[in-house]
Structure formats: C-alpha cells, structure tokens
Protein backbone atom coordinates (compact mmCIF):
# COMPACT_ATOMS: atom_id res chain seq x y z
CA MET A 1 92.88 135.23 88.54
CA GLU A 2 96.25 133.72 87.61
CA LYS A 3 96.74 130.22 88.93
CA ASP A 4 99.38 129.89 91.60
CA PRO A 5 102.47 128.16 90.10
CA VAL A 6 103.37 124.68 91.36
CA VAL A 7 106.79 123.82 92.75
CA LYS A 8 108.10 120.26 92.32
CA VAL A 9 110.52 118.89 94.90
CA GLY A 10 112.40 115.56 94.85
CA GLY A 11 111.70 112.56 92.64
CA SER A 12 108.66 111.56 90.64
CA VAL A 13 106.32 108.59 90.38
CA GLU A 14 107.39 107.88 86.79
CA GLU A 15 111.07 107.70 87.77
CA ALA A 16 110.35 105.82 90.99
CA ILE A 17 108.58 102.87 89.37
CA GLN A 18 111.58 102.53 87.06
CA GLY A 19 114.03 102.56 89.96
CA GLN A 20 115.58 105.87 88.94
CA TYR A 21 116.38 107.13 92.42
CA SER A 22 119.06 106.56 95.03
CA LEU A 23 119.05 106.46 98.81
CA ASP A 24 121.88 107.13 101.26
CA VAL A 25 120.99 105.52 104.58
CA VAL A 26 123.48 107.45 106.71
CA ALA A 27 122.61 110.78 105.07
CA ILE A 28 118.89 110.17 105.57
CA LEU A 29 119.36 109.36 109.26
CA LYS A 30 121.48 112.47 109.78
CA GLU A 31 118.99 114.70 107.98
CA ALA A 32 116.04 113.17 109.83
CA TRP A 33 117.77 113.75 113.17
CA GLN A 34 118.42 117.40 112.40
CA ILE A 35 114.80 117.85 111.31
CA THR A 36 113.56 116.08 114.44
CA LEU A 37 115.47 118.42 116.71
CA LYS A 38 113.45 121.31 115.24
CA SER A 39 110.07 119.70 114.59
CA ARG A 40 109.38 116.94 117.11
CA MET A 41 106.68 118.81 119.06
CA ALA A 42 104.18 118.99 116.19
CA ILE A 43 104.50 115.27 115.42
CA ASN A 44 104.35 114.25 119.08
CA LEU A 45 101.18 116.26 119.65
CA GLY A 46 99.72 114.85 116.44
CA LEU A 47 100.51 111.30 117.57
CA LEU A 48 99.01 112.02 120.99
CA THR A 49 95.83 113.18 119.27
CA CYS A 50 95.70 109.97 117.22
CA LEU A 51 96.32 107.90 120.35
CA ILE A 52 93.46 109.58 122.20
CA ILE A 53 91.12 109.08 119.25
CA GLY A 54 92.14 105.42 119.02
CA MET A 55 91.56 104.86 122.73
CA LEU A 56 88.13 106.50 122.62
CA VAL A 57 87.09 104.42 119.61
CA SER A 58 88.40 101.23 121.24
CA MET A 59 86.49 101.93 124.45
CA LEU A 60 83.29 102.76 122.56
CA VAL A 61 83.40 99.73 120.27
CA SER A 62 84.54 97.27 122.95
CA SER A 63 81.69 98.40 125.20
CA GLN A 64 79.29 97.28 122.48
CA LEU A 65 81.08 93.92 122.28
CA GLY A 66 80.79 93.11 125.97
CA GLY A 67 83.85 94.92 127.31
CA ILE A 68 87.51 95.22 126.36
CA GLU A 69 88.51 91.88 127.96
CA VAL A 70 85.78 90.00 126.11
CA ALA A 71 86.65 91.75 122.85
CA ILE A 72 90.32 90.81 123.17
CA GLN A 73 89.69 87.17 124.11
CA ASP A 74 87.19 86.52 121.31
CA GLN A 75 88.99 86.31 117.97
CA GLN A 76 86.09 87.60 115.89
CA SER A 77 85.47 90.51 118.26
CA ALA A 78 89.18 91.36 118.33
CA THR A 79 89.32 91.35 114.54
CA LEU A 80 86.26 93.57 114.28
CA LEU A 81 87.69 95.96 116.86
CA ASN A 82 90.99 96.15 114.98
CA ILE A 83 89.24 96.85 111.68
CA ILE A 84 87.10 99.63 113.10
CA VAL A 85 90.02 101.30 114.89
CA THR A 86 92.08 101.12 111.68
CA LEU A 87 89.31 102.67 109.60
CA VAL A 88 88.74 105.50 112.07
CA VAL A 89 92.28 106.34 113.19
CA TYR A 90 94.33 106.18 109.98
CA PRO A 91 92.69 109.21 108.31
CA PHE A 92 94.25 111.13 111.21
CA VAL A 93 97.55 109.22 111.22
CA VAL A 94 98.13 110.14 107.58
CA GLY A 95 98.26 113.76 108.74
CA VAL A 96 101.27 112.83 110.89
CA GLU A 97 102.88 111.13 107.90
CA MET A 98 102.36 114.29 105.86
CA MET A 99 104.05 116.29 108.61
CA GLY A 100 107.21 114.28 108.00
CA ILE A 101 106.93 114.91 104.26
CA PHE A 102 106.47 118.65 104.75
CA HIS A 103 109.40 118.74 107.18
CA SER A 104 111.58 117.07 104.54
CA VAL A 105 111.19 120.11 102.28
CA GLY A 106 111.77 122.65 105.03
CA LEU A 107 108.17 123.49 105.90
CA LYS A 108 106.92 123.93 109.44
CA THR A 109 103.77 122.16 110.58
CA ARG A 110 101.24 122.36 113.38
CA PRO A 111 99.44 119.54 115.26
CA GLN A 112 96.05 120.35 113.70
CA LEU A 113 97.39 118.96 110.42
CA VAL A 114 96.04 115.58 111.59
CA PHE A 115 92.58 116.90 110.69
CA ALA A 116 93.58 118.34 107.31
CA PHE A 117 93.03 115.27 105.12
CA LEU A 118 89.69 113.94 106.32
CA LYS A 119 88.17 114.73 102.92
CA ARG A 120 90.34 111.86 101.63
CA GLY A 121 89.64 109.88 104.79
CA SER A 122 87.57 107.14 103.17
CA TRP A 123 90.32 106.40 100.62
CA VAL A 124 92.98 106.49 103.34
CA ALA A 125 90.94 104.15 105.54
CA VAL A 126 90.46 101.64 102.72
CA SER A 127 94.18 101.82 101.86
CA ALA A 128 95.16 101.27 105.49
CA LEU A 129 92.82 98.30 105.78
CA LEU A 130 94.11 96.74 102.55
CA THR A 131 97.78 97.20 103.44
CA SER A 132 97.34 95.87 106.99
CA THR A 133 95.43 92.87 105.61
CA LEU A 134 98.17 92.12 103.08
CA VAL A 135 100.87 92.42 105.74
CA THR A 136 98.92 90.17 108.13
CA ILE A 137 98.48 87.52 105.43
CA GLY A 138 102.18 87.80 104.62
CA LEU A 139 103.15 87.34 108.27
CA THR A 140 101.22 84.07 108.38
CA LEU A 141 103.44 82.81 105.54
CA PHE A 142 106.65 82.33 107.54
CA TYR A 143 106.91 86.06 108.40
CA LEU A 144 109.24 87.05 105.53
CA PRO A 145 106.49 87.98 103.03
CA GLY A 146 104.83 90.08 105.73
CA ILE A 147 108.06 91.90 106.55
CA PHE A 148 108.65 92.54 102.86
CA LEU A 149 105.14 93.94 102.38
CA ALA A 150 105.30 96.05 105.55
CA VAL A 151 108.35 97.84 104.18
CA ALA A 152 107.27 97.92 100.54
CA LEU A 153 103.82 99.37 101.34
CA SER A 154 104.95 101.82 104.01
CA LEU A 155 104.61 104.82 101.67
CA ALA A 156 101.23 103.93 100.20
CA LEU A 157 99.07 106.19 102.40
CA PRO A 158 100.81 109.48 101.49
CA LEU A 159 100.33 108.58 97.82
CA VAL A 160 96.57 108.52 98.40
CA VAL A 161 96.70 112.02 99.88
CA GLU A 162 99.52 113.84 98.12
CA LYS A 163 99.21 112.20 94.69
CA GLN A 164 95.41 111.73 94.91
CA MET A 165 95.73 108.04 94.01
CA SER A 166 93.13 105.35 94.56
CA PRO A 167 93.98 102.75 97.25
CA LEU A 168 94.82 100.01 94.74
CA LYS A 169 96.98 102.29 92.62
CA ALA A 170 98.82 103.64 95.69
CA ILE A 171 99.54 100.10 96.87
CA SER A 172 100.74 99.09 93.41
CA VAL A 173 102.96 102.15 92.96
CA SER A 174 104.48 101.85 96.44
CA LEU A 175 105.25 98.17 95.88
CA ARG A 176 106.73 98.71 92.41
CA ALA A 177 108.90 101.64 93.49
CA THR A 178 110.27 100.54 96.85
CA ARG A 179 111.39 97.11 95.64
CA PHE A 180 114.47 98.65 94.02
CA GLN A 181 115.88 99.96 97.31
CA TRP A 182 114.01 97.66 99.70
CA PHE A 183 117.02 96.67 101.79
CA LYS A 184 118.05 100.29 102.37
CA ILE A 185 114.52 101.23 103.42
CA PHE A 186 114.39 98.16 105.65
CA SER A 187 117.72 99.09 107.27
CA LEU A 188 116.37 102.54 108.12
CA TYR A 189 113.31 101.08 109.84
CA VAL A 190 115.38 98.43 111.64
CA THR A 191 117.75 101.10 112.95
CA LEU A 192 114.85 103.01 114.49
CA ALA A 193 113.31 99.80 115.84
CA LEU A 194 116.61 98.88 117.51
CA ALA A 195 116.82 102.37 119.01
CA THR A 196 113.37 101.80 120.52
CA VAL A 197 114.42 98.44 121.94
CA VAL A 198 117.57 99.93 123.47
CA ALA A 199 115.52 102.74 125.01
CA ALA A 200 113.21 100.13 126.58
CA LEU A 201 116.01 98.04 128.10
CA PRO A 202 116.13 100.03 131.38
CA ILE A 203 112.46 99.15 131.97
CA ALA A 204 113.23 95.44 131.68
CA ALA A 205 116.30 95.84 133.88
CA ALA A 206 114.40 97.76 136.55
CA GLY A 207 111.64 95.17 136.78
CA GLY A 208 109.36 96.00 139.70
CA SER A 209 111.98 97.98 141.61
CA GLU A 210 111.81 101.61 142.66
CA LEU A 211 113.81 102.50 139.55
CA GLY A 212 110.92 101.43 137.32
CA PHE A 213 109.37 104.90 137.27
CA ILE A 214 112.67 106.46 136.26
CA ALA A 215 113.16 103.83 133.54
CA ILE A 216 109.68 104.50 132.13
CA ALA A 217 110.29 108.25 132.17
CA LEU A 218 113.60 107.74 130.35
CA PHE A 219 111.90 105.53 127.75
CA LEU A 220 109.16 108.11 127.10
CA PHE A 221 111.81 110.82 126.77
CA CYS A 222 113.68 108.77 124.15
CA LEU A 223 110.42 107.89 122.39
CA ALA A 224 109.63 111.60 122.08
CA TYR A 225 112.60 111.76 119.71
CA ILE A 226 112.45 108.33 118.06
CA ALA A 227 108.78 108.52 117.03
CA PRO A 228 109.08 111.90 115.26
CA MET A 229 112.33 110.76 113.66
CA PHE A 230 110.53 107.73 112.22
CA TYR A 231 107.99 109.94 110.45
CA ASN A 232 110.70 112.36 109.33
CA VAL A 233 112.65 109.42 107.85
CA LYS A 234 109.51 108.37 105.99
CA GLY A 235 109.08 111.95 104.82
CA ILE A 236 112.59 112.05 103.39
CA LEU A 237 112.06 108.67 101.73
CA TYR A 238 108.85 109.92 100.13
CA ARG A 239 110.58 113.07 98.90
CA GLU A 240 113.50 111.17 97.40
CA ILE A 241 111.39 108.43 95.82
CA PHE A 242 108.14 110.07 94.74
CA GLY A 243 108.71 113.80 95.20
CA LEU A 244 105.88 116.20 95.95
CA GLN A 245 104.20 119.23 94.49
CA MET A 246 103.02 122.32 96.32
CA SER A 247 101.89 125.80 95.45
CA ALA A 248 104.59 128.44 95.27
CA SER A 249 102.78 130.54 97.87
CA GLY A 250 102.74 127.58 100.26
CA ALA A 251 106.47 127.05 99.78
CA GLN A 252 107.19 130.72 100.41
CA SER A 253 105.07 130.90 103.56
CA ASN A 254 107.26 128.15 105.11
CA THR A 255 104.38 126.92 107.29
CA ILE A 256 101.70 124.29 106.70
CA THR A 257 98.76 124.45 109.07
CA ASP A 258 95.46 122.76 108.23
CA THR A 259 95.28 123.10 104.46
CA PHE A 260 97.31 121.67 101.62
CA SER A 261 97.45 122.39 97.92
CA ALA A 262 98.80 119.70 95.63
C-alpha cells in the first residue's frame, strides 16, 4: 500500500533554532480571535475535562494525606500533591494545546482529543514536571528568570507530541528557538493575562453585594473566550516557529478527532 504523503505547514525546527522566523503580534491576535469565534467550544470542553480530572486526582491524593486542608498547610504534602496532579493532568492538557495547533492550520477538533496522546503521556508528564520545576526555581531568583523560562518553555510540550522529542530535547529546542522573539511572545501572553484581569474587575468591584453573581457570570463568559484564545495563540506560535506535519488525508478531511498522524 502506498504511504500517505505528508504535508508540511509553517516553519521548521532547523530554522527555528537559528532564529529564521518572524512574528507579528497584532496579526497573531487577530487570527487567534477569528479562530476562537469558530472553535472555542472544543477547547472549553477539553479544559473542563482536564479540570474535572485534576479535581478528582486532588481529592483522591489529598484524602491519603489527611485531607485537603492538611495537604495545603504542610509544605511537603502540598509539593507532593502538586507533583502528582502535574504528572496525571498534563498528558490530557497537551491534547488541548494540540487543538490550538490544529486550529491554526484550519482543522476542526473535538473534545475527545484530550485523550488522543496518552501513549506519549509519560514523556509529556516528565516534560511538564521538568518545565514547572525550572520555572519554580527561576521564580525564586528574583522572579525574572522564572518569567523568562515560563515564556521560553511554553511550547515544549507540543514538541514532545508532534515532533516526538524527548523531554530534555523538547526543553532545549523550545528554549533555543523562542529566545529570538521572546519579547513578542511575552507581549502576547501579557495581553491575554491583562484581558483576564480586566474581566475579573467586576467581581472585585461587586464585593459581597447582590451584583456578585452577575459579575462572576460575566467573568466566566469572558473566560470562555479568553482561555480558548490563549491556546489558539500558542497554536499559531507553534505553527510559525516550528511548523507541523500531517498526512495529506488528514488535511483533506478537515477534522481531527482522537487520532493524529505525524
């Protein structure tokens, strides 16, 4: 049987680590917004699935540590809880990240994509733990190193899945590539963070008044757009920096469900 041809979209790893790519912040935000208007439901349902899984794991683990309050108050227990939740949840979260990448090349996705990459789950979990550890260490060093690493390593997990890289190689490649356009990537994330803060202002203004419920509802409504846009922005960044490969049949079908061919 003839092998299905592979379609390459966007940049490449070789060009990325040499800084041979460009980013337009305004254009990326506009494109991400247009994508979000058409694709937010899949990402929101995927994030809801991850949230439920995270809550269940937290409840289960904290019950073994003496309860959630005890686990939070004890530093060692809190650290252990955070590690376990990270290891369990991120193999599902990477499915949400891949949704944004698929959206960036015009493909439709479905919520069950969060379960599509569990065969790479161990590598994803290790990568997530390493990146979060590096960021945490960086934040203890006057915050700036942590902020730098949080941005520079933000595309490491998709590299483990889409490029089939090992955790250490994905971290290295993400760090080497994003440093060339770090400030532009940072400005994109800051813009979305500020949008989240603005959306939350009515809650602070309402306080404990009767308007609090309305303020919370308004915040959740805004978050239903901001959260998917964040992952769509990351998807566009990944496309422009590293590019991706997919089978021609997958590109023609225009829909990604629970399988992926790289």
